[in-house]
Amino acid sequence: MHVAGKLAVELSVQHGLLSLPIASWLVPARLRTIGQELDGKQLTVTPHGRGRVQRASLLHAWSDGVHFPPLSAESVLGVAHLSKVDLTFPVATLY
């Protein structure tokens, strides 16, 4: 990923051959809900979708520590490769 033309994060992964279907209904909505503060108000949205997931291995990880949190291959807990992803972001709720 680049920010203002400069590299901010770089990841290389290798994935296996077997993929399994995955759907958002398998994850509770409270774990899929994301929020953002805008003009002193909280916006939240709970996306839903489906796709395929494969086990993967992280080969290389680097970040600049400014535009992306400090990262190394040793700091990553798990890796998955997602493909054929279809996500829907409904209209956000304003609080």
C-alpha atoms as a PDB file:
ATOM      1  CA  MET A   1       0.000   0.000   0.000  1.00  0.00           C
ATOM      2  CA  HIS A   2       1.271   3.455  -0.892  1.00  0.00           C
ATOM      3  CA  VAL A   3       0.459   6.753   0.818  1.00  0.00           C
ATOM      4  CA  ALA A   4       1.314   9.942  -1.030  1.00  0.00           C
ATOM      5  CA  GLY A   5       3.453   7.919  -3.439  1.00  0.00           C
ATOM      6  CA  LYS A   6       5.562   6.310  -0.700  1.00  0.00           C
ATOM      7  CA  LEU A   7       5.420   2.681   0.395  1.00  0.00           C
ATOM      8  CA  ALA A   8       3.605   2.363   3.758  1.00  0.00           C
ATOM      9  CA  VAL A   9       3.090  -1.396   4.093  1.00  0.00           C
ATOM     10  CA  GLU A  10       4.205  -4.446   2.147  1.00  0.00           C
ATOM     11  CA  LEU A  11       2.993  -8.020   2.714  1.00  0.00           C
ATOM     12  CA  SER A  12       3.723 -11.239   0.840  1.00  0.00           C
ATOM     13  CA  VAL A  13       1.690 -14.374   1.483  1.00  0.00           C
ATOM     14  CA  GLN A  14       1.541 -17.870   0.089  1.00  0.00           C
ATOM     15  CA  HIS A  15      -1.769 -19.722   0.213  1.00  0.00           C
ATOM     16  CA  GLY A  16      -2.738 -23.346  -0.102  1.00  0.00           C
ATOM     17  CA  LEU A  17      -4.920 -25.039  -2.695  1.00  0.00           C
ATOM     18  CA  LEU A  18      -7.990 -25.954  -0.621  1.00  0.00           C
ATOM     19  CA  SER A  19     -10.498 -23.146  -0.099  1.00  0.00           C
ATOM     20  CA  LEU A  20     -13.637 -23.226   2.006  1.00  0.00           C
ATOM     21  CA  PRO A  21     -16.776 -21.097   1.824  1.00  0.00           C
ATOM     22  CA  ILE A  22     -17.130 -18.434   4.491  1.00  0.00           C
ATOM     23  CA  ALA A  23     -20.054 -16.154   5.291  1.00  0.00           C
ATOM     24  CA  SER A  24     -20.467 -13.212   7.636  1.00  0.00           C
ATOM     25  CA  TRP A  25     -23.373 -14.826   9.488  1.00  0.00           C
ATOM     26  CA  LEU A  26     -20.743 -17.125  11.049  1.00  0.00           C
ATOM     27  CA  VAL A  27     -19.333 -14.104  12.933  1.00  0.00           C
ATOM     28  CA  PRO A  28     -21.519 -12.282  15.506  1.00  0.00           C
ATOM     29  CA  ALA A  29     -22.597  -8.815  14.356  1.00  0.00           C
ATOM     30  CA  ARG A  30     -20.860  -7.161  17.335  1.00  0.00           C
ATOM     31  CA  LEU A  31     -17.512  -8.463  16.024  1.00  0.00           C
ATOM     32  CA  ARG A  32     -18.217  -7.198  12.492  1.00  0.00           C
ATOM     33  CA  THR A  33     -19.407  -3.719  13.453  1.00  0.00           C
ATOM     34  CA  ILE A  34     -17.031  -0.871  12.700  1.00  0.00           C
ATOM     35  CA  GLY A  35     -17.327   2.756  13.702  1.00  0.00           C
ATOM     36  CA  GLN A  36     -16.028   6.196  12.869  1.00  0.00           C
ATOM     37  CA  GLU A  37     -16.398   9.550  14.560  1.00  0.00           C
ATOM     38  CA  LEU A  38     -17.454  12.398  12.290  1.00  0.00           C
ATOM     39  CA  ASP A  39     -18.263  15.937  13.443  1.00  0.00           C
ATOM     40  CA  GLY A  40     -18.621  14.744  17.043  1.00  0.00           C
ATOM     41  CA  LYS A  41     -21.075  11.983  16.134  1.00  0.00           C
ATOM     42  CA  GLN A  42     -20.523   8.227  15.959  1.00  0.00           C
ATOM     43  CA  LEU A  43     -21.272   6.355  12.718  1.00  0.00           C
ATOM     44  CA  THR A  44     -21.445   2.550  12.859  1.00  0.00           C
ATOM     45  CA  VAL A  45     -21.967  -0.028  10.144  1.00  0.00           C
ATOM     46  CA  THR A  46     -22.156  -3.815  10.185  1.00  0.00           C
ATOM     47  CA  PRO A  47     -21.069  -5.186   6.805  1.00  0.00           C
ATOM     48  CA  HIS A  48     -22.131  -8.607   5.614  1.00  0.00           C
ATOM     49  CA  GLY A  49     -20.863 -10.823   2.854  1.00  0.00           C
ATOM     50  CA  ARG A  50     -19.418 -14.100   1.698  1.00  0.00           C
ATOM     51  CA  GLY A  51     -16.397 -15.508  -0.042  1.00  0.00           C
ATOM     52  CA  ARG A  52     -13.771 -18.243   0.092  1.00  0.00           C
ATOM     53  CA  VAL A  53     -10.989 -18.623   2.661  1.00  0.00           C
ATOM     54  CA  GLN A  54      -7.675 -20.457   2.474  1.00  0.00           C
ATOM     55  CA  ARG A  55      -4.971 -21.076   5.020  1.00  0.00           C
ATOM     56  CA  ALA A  56      -1.916 -18.966   4.236  1.00  0.00           C
ATOM     57  CA  SER A  57       1.637 -18.295   5.367  1.00  0.00           C
ATOM     58  CA  LEU A  58       3.230 -14.897   5.721  1.00  0.00           C
ATOM     59  CA  LEU A  59       6.465 -14.744   3.754  1.00  0.00           C
ATOM     60  CA  HIS A  60       7.359 -11.080   4.269  1.00  0.00           C
ATOM     61  CA  ALA A  61       5.966  -8.177   6.306  1.00  0.00           C
ATOM     62  CA  TRP A  62       7.136  -4.565   6.499  1.00  0.00           C
ATOM     63  CA  SER A  63       5.554  -1.245   7.425  1.00  0.00           C
ATOM     64  CA  ASP A  64       6.796   2.295   7.828  1.00  0.00           C
ATOM     65  CA  GLY A  65       5.357   2.589  11.356  1.00  0.00           C
ATOM     66  CA  VAL A  66       3.811   5.949  10.465  1.00  0.00           C
ATOM     67  CA  HIS A  67       0.938   5.296   8.047  1.00  0.00           C
ATOM     68  CA  PHE A  68       0.565   1.682   9.187  1.00  0.00           C
ATOM     69  CA  PRO A  69       1.361   0.256  12.646  1.00  0.00           C
ATOM     70  CA  PRO A  70       4.840  -1.265  13.118  1.00  0.00           C
ATOM     71  CA  LEU A  71       4.796  -4.751  11.654  1.00  0.00           C
ATOM     72  CA  SER A  72       7.060  -7.730  11.261  1.00  0.00           C
ATOM     73  CA  ALA A  73       6.503 -11.360  10.296  1.00  0.00           C
ATOM     74  CA  GLU A  74       7.058 -12.350  13.943  1.00  0.00           C
ATOM     75  CA  SER A  75       4.286 -10.027  15.196  1.00  0.00           C
ATOM     76  CA  VAL A  76       1.526 -11.556  13.028  1.00  0.00           C
ATOM     77  CA  LEU A  77      -0.709 -14.074  14.811  1.00  0.00           C
ATOM     78  CA  GLY A  78      -2.447 -15.611  11.814  1.00  0.00           C
ATOM     79  CA  VAL A  79      -2.834 -15.316   8.058  1.00  0.00           C
ATOM     80  CA  ALA A  80      -5.720 -16.167   5.752  1.00  0.00           C
ATOM     81  CA  HIS A  81      -6.232 -15.623   2.037  1.00  0.00           C
ATOM     82  CA  LEU A  82      -9.715 -14.467   1.032  1.00  0.00           C
ATOM     83  CA  SER A  83     -10.991 -14.716  -2.526  1.00  0.00           C
ATOM     84  CA  LYS A  84     -14.246 -14.245  -4.413  1.00  0.00           C
ATOM     85  CA  VAL A  85     -15.308 -11.821  -1.681  1.00  0.00           C
ATOM     86  CA  ASP A  86     -18.697 -10.114  -1.986  1.00  0.00           C
ATOM     87  CA  LEU A  87     -19.190  -7.485   0.745  1.00  0.00           C
ATOM     88  CA  THR A  88     -22.178  -5.247   1.348  1.00  0.00           C
ATOM     89  CA  PHE A  89     -21.927  -2.144   3.507  1.00  0.00           C
ATOM     90  CA  PRO A  90     -25.420  -1.001   4.496  1.00  0.00           C
ATOM     91  CA  VAL A  91     -26.182   2.646   5.302  1.00  0.00           C
ATOM     92  CA  ALA A  92     -24.403   3.618   8.518  1.00  0.00           C
ATOM     93  CA  THR A  93     -26.275   4.275  11.764  1.00  0.00           C
ATOM     94  CA  LEU A  94     -25.672   7.728  13.261  1.00  0.00           C
ATOM     95  CA  TYR A  95     -25.523   8.165  17.061  1.00  0.00           C
END
